[in-house]
């Protein structure tokens, strides 16, 4: 959950996920839709699908016993070099270094130049405290997250400042992509309000697309003409795009095929993060 997502956004999802799937067996036997529903709001849904697939492999091919080496972990769906090293070192004390975005920034500032990929892993391995690899790796990640930040690093309070070649900002090796501004519009249509909160009209994203396949969302519509005002407006960001989202109290065009979902079932289906944000703003969930 913490890959590409802030800790503050993860905590509640983490506890709810463990409540729904307290064991690897429970997770492996769950429907994918249930897993995606529990993940809804965290984004990057491929992570949830891979986690679900990995649970099945552990149960069916490893008798429910979690692999304990980086080499074995990398054979699981969705687990790459960094994740395998992090799990193996923190959970099982395997003397192996990790390189994530935070560690990469620390290493490059210590070296004073933009190290290429494999050199980063070598540098991390050379620094690793093999007697306490899990503690060392977590300390490196925390150093990058809290003090050695992308902008305005707190060098005066850094415990290893004497090792640092840059003592501050290292010029970026690549120009950062500029944020795009996009305006989008959605229809929020509720019927049978008198029946336990009513039903919401939602559409399901195609199963054959790469971005959030099979997830449920509100129907996107064209901008309303005239002097009508939206129910509300909110902001939403995905990678390099900032969205201005306007939500309208209106029916979707008849050409849009969807389904009426009882409001009581909304927390149990796989909603996109934006759909969940809109329904919370509307005090429906």
Protein backbone atom coordinates (compact mmCIF):
# COMPACT_ATOMS: atom_id res chain seq x y z
CA UNK A 1 0.00 0.00 0.00
CA UNK A 2 2.86 2.38 0.74
CA UNK A 3 4.33 2.18 -2.74
CA UNK A 4 3.63 5.58 -4.35
CA UNK A 5 1.13 6.45 -1.62
CA UNK A 6 1.58 8.59 1.51
CA UNK A 7 1.41 6.99 4.97
CA UNK A 8 -1.46 9.25 6.03
CA UNK A 9 -3.58 7.99 3.14
CA UNK A 10 -2.81 4.35 3.90
CA UNK A 11 -3.44 3.91 7.64
CA UNK A 12 -7.25 3.59 7.60
CA UNK A 13 -7.19 1.43 4.46
CA UNK A 14 -4.58 -0.84 6.06
CA UNK A 15 -6.67 -1.53 9.17
CA UNK A 16 -9.82 -2.06 7.13
CA UNK A 17 -7.98 -4.40 4.74
CA UNK A 18 -6.73 -6.54 7.63
CA UNK A 19 -10.22 -6.60 9.12
CA UNK A 20 -11.64 -7.98 5.87
CA UNK A 21 -8.72 -10.30 5.09
CA UNK A 22 -7.02 -11.24 8.39
CA UNK A 23 -5.09 -14.19 6.92
CA UNK A 24 -3.38 -15.03 3.66
CA UNK A 25 -5.97 -17.79 3.19
CA UNK A 26 -8.85 -15.32 3.51
CA UNK A 27 -7.23 -13.03 0.97
CA UNK A 28 -6.52 -15.87 -1.47
CA UNK A 29 -10.13 -17.11 -1.36
CA UNK A 30 -11.71 -13.65 -1.72
CA UNK A 31 -13.27 -12.40 -4.94
CA UNK A 32 -11.16 -9.88 -6.84
CA UNK A 33 -14.03 -7.39 -6.68
CA UNK A 34 -13.96 -7.56 -2.87
CA UNK A 35 -10.21 -6.95 -2.81
CA UNK A 36 -10.54 -3.96 -5.14
CA UNK A 37 -13.37 -2.57 -3.02
CA UNK A 38 -11.16 -2.69 0.07
CA UNK A 39 -8.37 -1.03 -1.92
CA UNK A 40 -10.60 1.68 -3.38
CA UNK A 41 -9.20 5.13 -2.76
CA UNK A 42 -5.53 4.12 -2.80
CA UNK A 43 -5.12 4.14 -6.58
CA UNK A 44 -2.68 2.09 -8.66
CA UNK A 45 -5.10 -0.85 -8.55
CA UNK A 46 -2.68 -3.20 -10.24
CA UNK A 47 -1.01 -3.45 -6.83
CA UNK A 48 -4.21 -4.89 -5.34
CA UNK A 49 -4.60 -7.39 -8.16
CA UNK A 50 -0.99 -8.53 -7.81
CA UNK A 51 -1.34 -8.79 -4.02
CA UNK A 52 -4.39 -10.99 -4.53
CA UNK A 53 -2.56 -13.13 -7.09
CA UNK A 54 0.48 -13.45 -4.79
CA UNK A 55 -1.75 -14.65 -1.94
CA UNK A 56 -3.10 -17.41 -4.18
CA UNK A 57 0.41 -18.52 -5.11
CA UNK A 58 1.49 -18.59 -1.45
CA UNK A 59 -1.53 -20.66 -0.45
CA UNK A 60 -1.53 -23.08 -3.38
CA UNK A 61 2.19 -23.44 -4.07
CA UNK A 62 3.83 -22.72 -0.70
CA UNK A 63 1.27 -24.32 1.65
CA UNK A 64 0.39 -20.89 3.03
CA UNK A 65 3.96 -20.22 4.22
CA UNK A 66 5.33 -16.82 3.20
CA UNK A 67 8.70 -17.01 1.35
CA UNK A 68 11.56 -15.65 3.46
CA UNK A 69 14.31 -14.76 0.97
CA UNK A 70 14.52 -11.99 -1.62
CA UNK A 71 15.10 -14.51 -4.40
CA UNK A 72 11.96 -16.49 -3.52
CA UNK A 73 9.91 -13.35 -2.97
CA UNK A 74 10.69 -12.05 -6.46
CA UNK A 75 8.92 -15.11 -7.89
CA UNK A 76 5.61 -13.86 -6.50
CA UNK A 77 3.31 -11.75 -8.71
CA UNK A 78 3.84 -8.02 -8.29
CA UNK A 79 7.00 -8.21 -6.18
CA UNK A 80 10.06 -6.60 -7.69
CA UNK A 81 13.60 -6.03 -6.52
CA UNK A 82 12.89 -3.26 -4.01
CA UNK A 83 9.83 -4.89 -2.41
CA UNK A 84 11.57 -8.27 -2.14
CA UNK A 85 14.62 -6.71 -0.48
CA UNK A 86 12.48 -4.66 1.91
CA UNK A 87 10.42 -7.66 3.05
CA UNK A 88 13.43 -10.00 3.31
CA UNK A 89 15.53 -7.54 5.32
CA UNK A 90 12.82 -6.13 7.60
CA UNK A 91 10.83 -9.31 8.25
CA UNK A 92 13.57 -11.94 8.01
CA UNK A 93 16.87 -10.09 8.67
CA UNK A 94 18.35 -11.02 5.30
CA UNK A 95 21.45 -8.80 4.77
CA UNK A 96 20.27 -7.13 1.57
CA UNK A 97 20.00 -3.41 0.79
CA UNK A 98 16.98 -1.57 -0.56
CA UNK A 99 16.73 1.31 -3.01
CA UNK A 100 13.48 3.24 -3.21
CA UNK A 101 12.96 6.87 -4.18
CA UNK A 102 13.94 8.15 -0.74
CA UNK A 103 17.08 6.01 -0.49
CA UNK A 104 18.05 6.95 -4.04
CA UNK A 105 17.93 10.65 -3.14
CA UNK A 106 20.11 10.12 -0.04
CA UNK A 107 22.68 8.10 -1.98
CA UNK A 108 22.93 10.61 -4.81
CA UNK A 109 23.44 13.51 -2.42
CA UNK A 110 26.07 11.59 -0.48
CA UNK A 111 27.90 10.77 -3.74
CA UNK A 112 27.41 14.25 -5.17
CA UNK A 113 26.24 13.03 -8.56
CA UNK A 114 23.37 11.23 -10.26
CA UNK A 115 24.30 7.57 -9.92
CA UNK A 116 22.84 5.23 -12.57
CA UNK A 117 20.59 2.37 -11.52
CA UNK A 118 22.95 -0.49 -10.72
CA UNK A 119 25.49 1.82 -9.08
CA UNK A 120 22.77 2.90 -6.67
CA UNK A 121 22.24 -0.68 -5.54
CA UNK A 122 26.01 -1.19 -5.15
CA UNK A 123 26.31 2.00 -3.10
CA UNK A 124 23.42 0.92 -0.86
CA UNK A 125 25.01 -2.52 -0.39
CA UNK A 126 28.36 -0.99 0.52
CA UNK A 127 26.75 1.10 3.26
CA UNK A 128 24.48 -1.66 4.60
CA UNK A 129 24.86 -2.73 8.23
CA UNK A 130 24.61 -6.48 7.70
CA UNK A 131 24.04 -7.13 11.43
CA UNK A 132 20.82 -5.05 11.45
CA UNK A 133 19.72 -4.85 7.80
CA UNK A 134 16.05 -4.21 8.50
CA UNK A 135 16.76 -1.34 10.90
CA UNK A 136 19.35 0.13 8.54
CA UNK A 137 17.07 0.01 5.50
CA UNK A 138 14.18 1.57 7.41
CA UNK A 139 16.51 4.28 8.72
CA UNK A 140 17.68 5.11 5.20
CA UNK A 141 14.09 5.32 3.92
CA UNK A 142 13.07 7.47 6.89
CA UNK A 143 16.06 9.77 6.41
CA UNK A 144 15.01 10.43 2.83
CA UNK A 145 11.34 10.85 3.71
CA UNK A 146 11.76 13.17 6.70
CA UNK A 147 15.04 15.10 6.39
CA UNK A 148 16.65 14.53 2.99
CA UNK A 149 13.52 15.69 1.18
CA UNK A 150 13.29 16.50 -2.55
CA UNK A 151 13.18 20.25 -1.86
CA UNK A 152 14.58 22.19 1.10
CA UNK A 153 16.41 19.28 2.78
CA UNK A 154 17.00 19.83 6.51
CA UNK A 155 20.77 19.55 6.41
CA UNK A 156 21.35 21.31 9.76
CA UNK A 157 19.58 18.52 11.64
CA UNK A 158 20.78 15.61 9.47
CA UNK A 159 22.70 13.03 11.57
CA UNK A 160 24.98 12.09 8.65
CA UNK A 161 25.60 15.51 7.14
CA UNK A 162 29.37 15.01 7.36
CA UNK A 163 29.05 12.21 4.79
CA UNK A 164 27.13 14.36 2.31
CA UNK A 165 28.87 15.78 -0.76
CA UNK A 166 26.11 18.22 -1.75
CA UNK A 167 24.99 19.60 1.66
CA UNK A 168 21.74 20.58 0.06
CA UNK A 169 19.87 20.30 -3.19
CA UNK A 170 21.35 18.16 -5.96
CA UNK A 171 20.38 19.58 -9.36
CA UNK A 172 17.76 17.32 -10.99
CA UNK A 173 19.10 15.04 -13.71
CA UNK A 174 15.85 15.37 -15.68
CA UNK A 175 13.37 18.26 -15.95
CA UNK A 176 10.18 17.61 -14.02
CA UNK A 177 7.01 17.21 -16.06
CA UNK A 178 4.67 20.15 -15.77
CA UNK A 179 1.18 19.57 -14.36
CA UNK A 180 -1.65 19.51 -16.88
CA UNK A 181 -4.94 21.20 -16.01
CA UNK A 182 -8.10 19.33 -17.07
CA UNK A 183 -11.80 19.95 -16.32
CA UNK A 184 -14.18 16.98 -16.22
CA UNK A 185 -17.90 16.65 -15.48
CA UNK A 186 -19.90 13.81 -13.86
CA UNK A 187 -23.59 13.13 -13.38
CA UNK A 188 -24.75 12.17 -9.89
CA UNK A 189 -28.24 10.70 -10.21
CA UNK A 190 -30.07 9.28 -7.19
CA UNK A 191 -33.44 7.55 -7.37
CA UNK A 192 -35.76 6.06 -4.75
CA UNK A 193 -34.27 8.22 -2.01
CA UNK A 194 -37.00 7.09 0.37
CA UNK A 195 -35.68 3.52 0.25
CA UNK A 196 -32.72 3.39 2.61
CA UNK A 197 -30.78 6.19 0.95
CA UNK A 198 -31.75 5.38 -2.62
CA UNK A 199 -29.80 4.01 -5.57
CA UNK A 200 -26.90 5.60 -7.47
CA UNK A 201 -26.40 5.25 -11.22
CA UNK A 202 -22.84 4.00 -11.89
CA UNK A 203 -20.95 2.69 -14.89
CA UNK A 204 -18.28 0.03 -14.97
CA UNK A 205 -14.99 0.69 -16.70
CA UNK A 206 -14.18 -1.79 -19.51
CA UNK A 207 -12.31 -4.92 -18.45
CA UNK A 208 -9.84 -4.67 -21.34
CA UNK A 209 -8.36 -1.25 -20.55
CA UNK A 210 -5.09 -0.72 -18.69
CA UNK A 211 -6.29 1.96 -16.27
CA UNK A 212 -8.56 0.70 -13.46
CA UNK A 213 -10.30 -2.05 -15.47
CA UNK A 214 -13.63 -3.20 -14.03
CA UNK A 215 -13.85 -0.40 -11.47
CA UNK A 216 -17.12 1.48 -10.94
CA UNK A 217 -17.49 5.25 -11.39
CA UNK A 218 -20.05 7.95 -12.04
CA UNK A 219 -20.93 8.55 -15.71
CA UNK A 220 -18.84 11.27 -17.31
CA UNK A 221 -20.88 13.86 -19.20
CA UNK A 222 -20.35 16.96 -21.30
CA UNK A 223 -20.30 20.34 -19.60
CA UNK A 224 -23.75 21.71 -18.85
CA UNK A 225 -24.81 24.73 -20.89
CA UNK A 226 -26.65 27.81 -19.66
CA UNK A 227 -26.62 29.31 -16.19
CA UNK A 228 -27.02 26.08 -14.26
CA UNK A 229 -24.56 25.50 -11.45
CA UNK A 230 -23.02 22.14 -10.48
CA UNK A 231 -23.88 20.52 -7.16
CA UNK A 232 -20.26 21.02 -6.16
CA UNK A 233 -16.72 21.18 -7.50
CA UNK A 234 -13.63 19.40 -6.19
CA UNK A 235 -10.00 18.88 -7.11
CA UNK A 236 -8.38 15.58 -7.96
CA UNK A 237 -4.82 14.79 -9.04
CA UNK A 238 -3.40 11.75 -10.83
CA UNK A 239 0.36 11.76 -11.55
CA UNK A 240 0.96 14.86 -13.71
CA UNK A 241 -2.69 15.87 -14.21
CA UNK A 242 -4.71 18.20 -11.97
CA UNK A 243 -8.45 17.75 -12.49
CA UNK A 244 -11.18 20.24 -11.73
CA UNK A 245 -14.19 17.96 -11.20
CA UNK A 246 -17.70 19.37 -11.51
CA UNK A 247 -20.56 17.18 -10.31
CA UNK A 248 -24.06 17.76 -11.69
CA UNK A 249 -27.45 16.66 -10.39
CA UNK A 250 -28.75 15.24 -13.64
CA UNK A 251 -29.40 11.99 -15.47
CA UNK A 252 -26.78 10.49 -17.72
CA UNK A 253 -27.50 10.36 -21.47
CA UNK A 254 -29.46 7.26 -22.46
CA UNK A 255 -26.54 6.02 -24.57
CA UNK A 256 -24.52 5.48 -21.39
CA UNK A 257 -25.06 1.97 -20.08
CA UNK A 258 -24.79 1.53 -16.34
CA UNK A 259 -26.38 0.01 -13.27
CA UNK A 260 -28.34 1.27 -10.28
CA UNK A 261 -26.45 0.43 -7.09
CA UNK A 262 -28.16 0.68 -3.66
CA UNK A 263 -26.30 3.19 -1.52
CA UNK A 264 -25.86 0.57 1.20
CA UNK A 265 -23.77 -1.55 -1.17
CA UNK A 266 -21.41 1.21 -2.32
CA UNK A 267 -18.69 0.51 0.24
CA UNK A 268 -18.57 -3.12 -0.88
CA UNK A 269 -17.90 -2.57 -4.57
CA UNK A 270 -14.73 -1.54 -6.37
CA UNK A 271 -15.14 2.21 -6.77
CA UNK A 272 -12.49 4.38 -8.37
CA UNK A 273 -10.81 6.78 -5.98
CA UNK A 274 -12.49 9.75 -7.64
CA UNK A 275 -15.94 8.14 -7.43
CA UNK A 276 -15.41 7.46 -3.74
CA UNK A 277 -14.28 11.07 -3.21
CA UNK A 278 -17.39 12.40 -4.98
CA UNK A 279 -19.78 10.14 -3.02
CA UNK A 280 -18.16 11.16 0.25
CA UNK A 281 -18.45 14.83 -0.69
CA UNK A 282 -22.14 14.23 -1.40
CA UNK A 283 -22.49 12.50 2.00
CA UNK A 284 -23.71 9.30 0.35
CA UNK A 285 -20.96 7.14 1.84
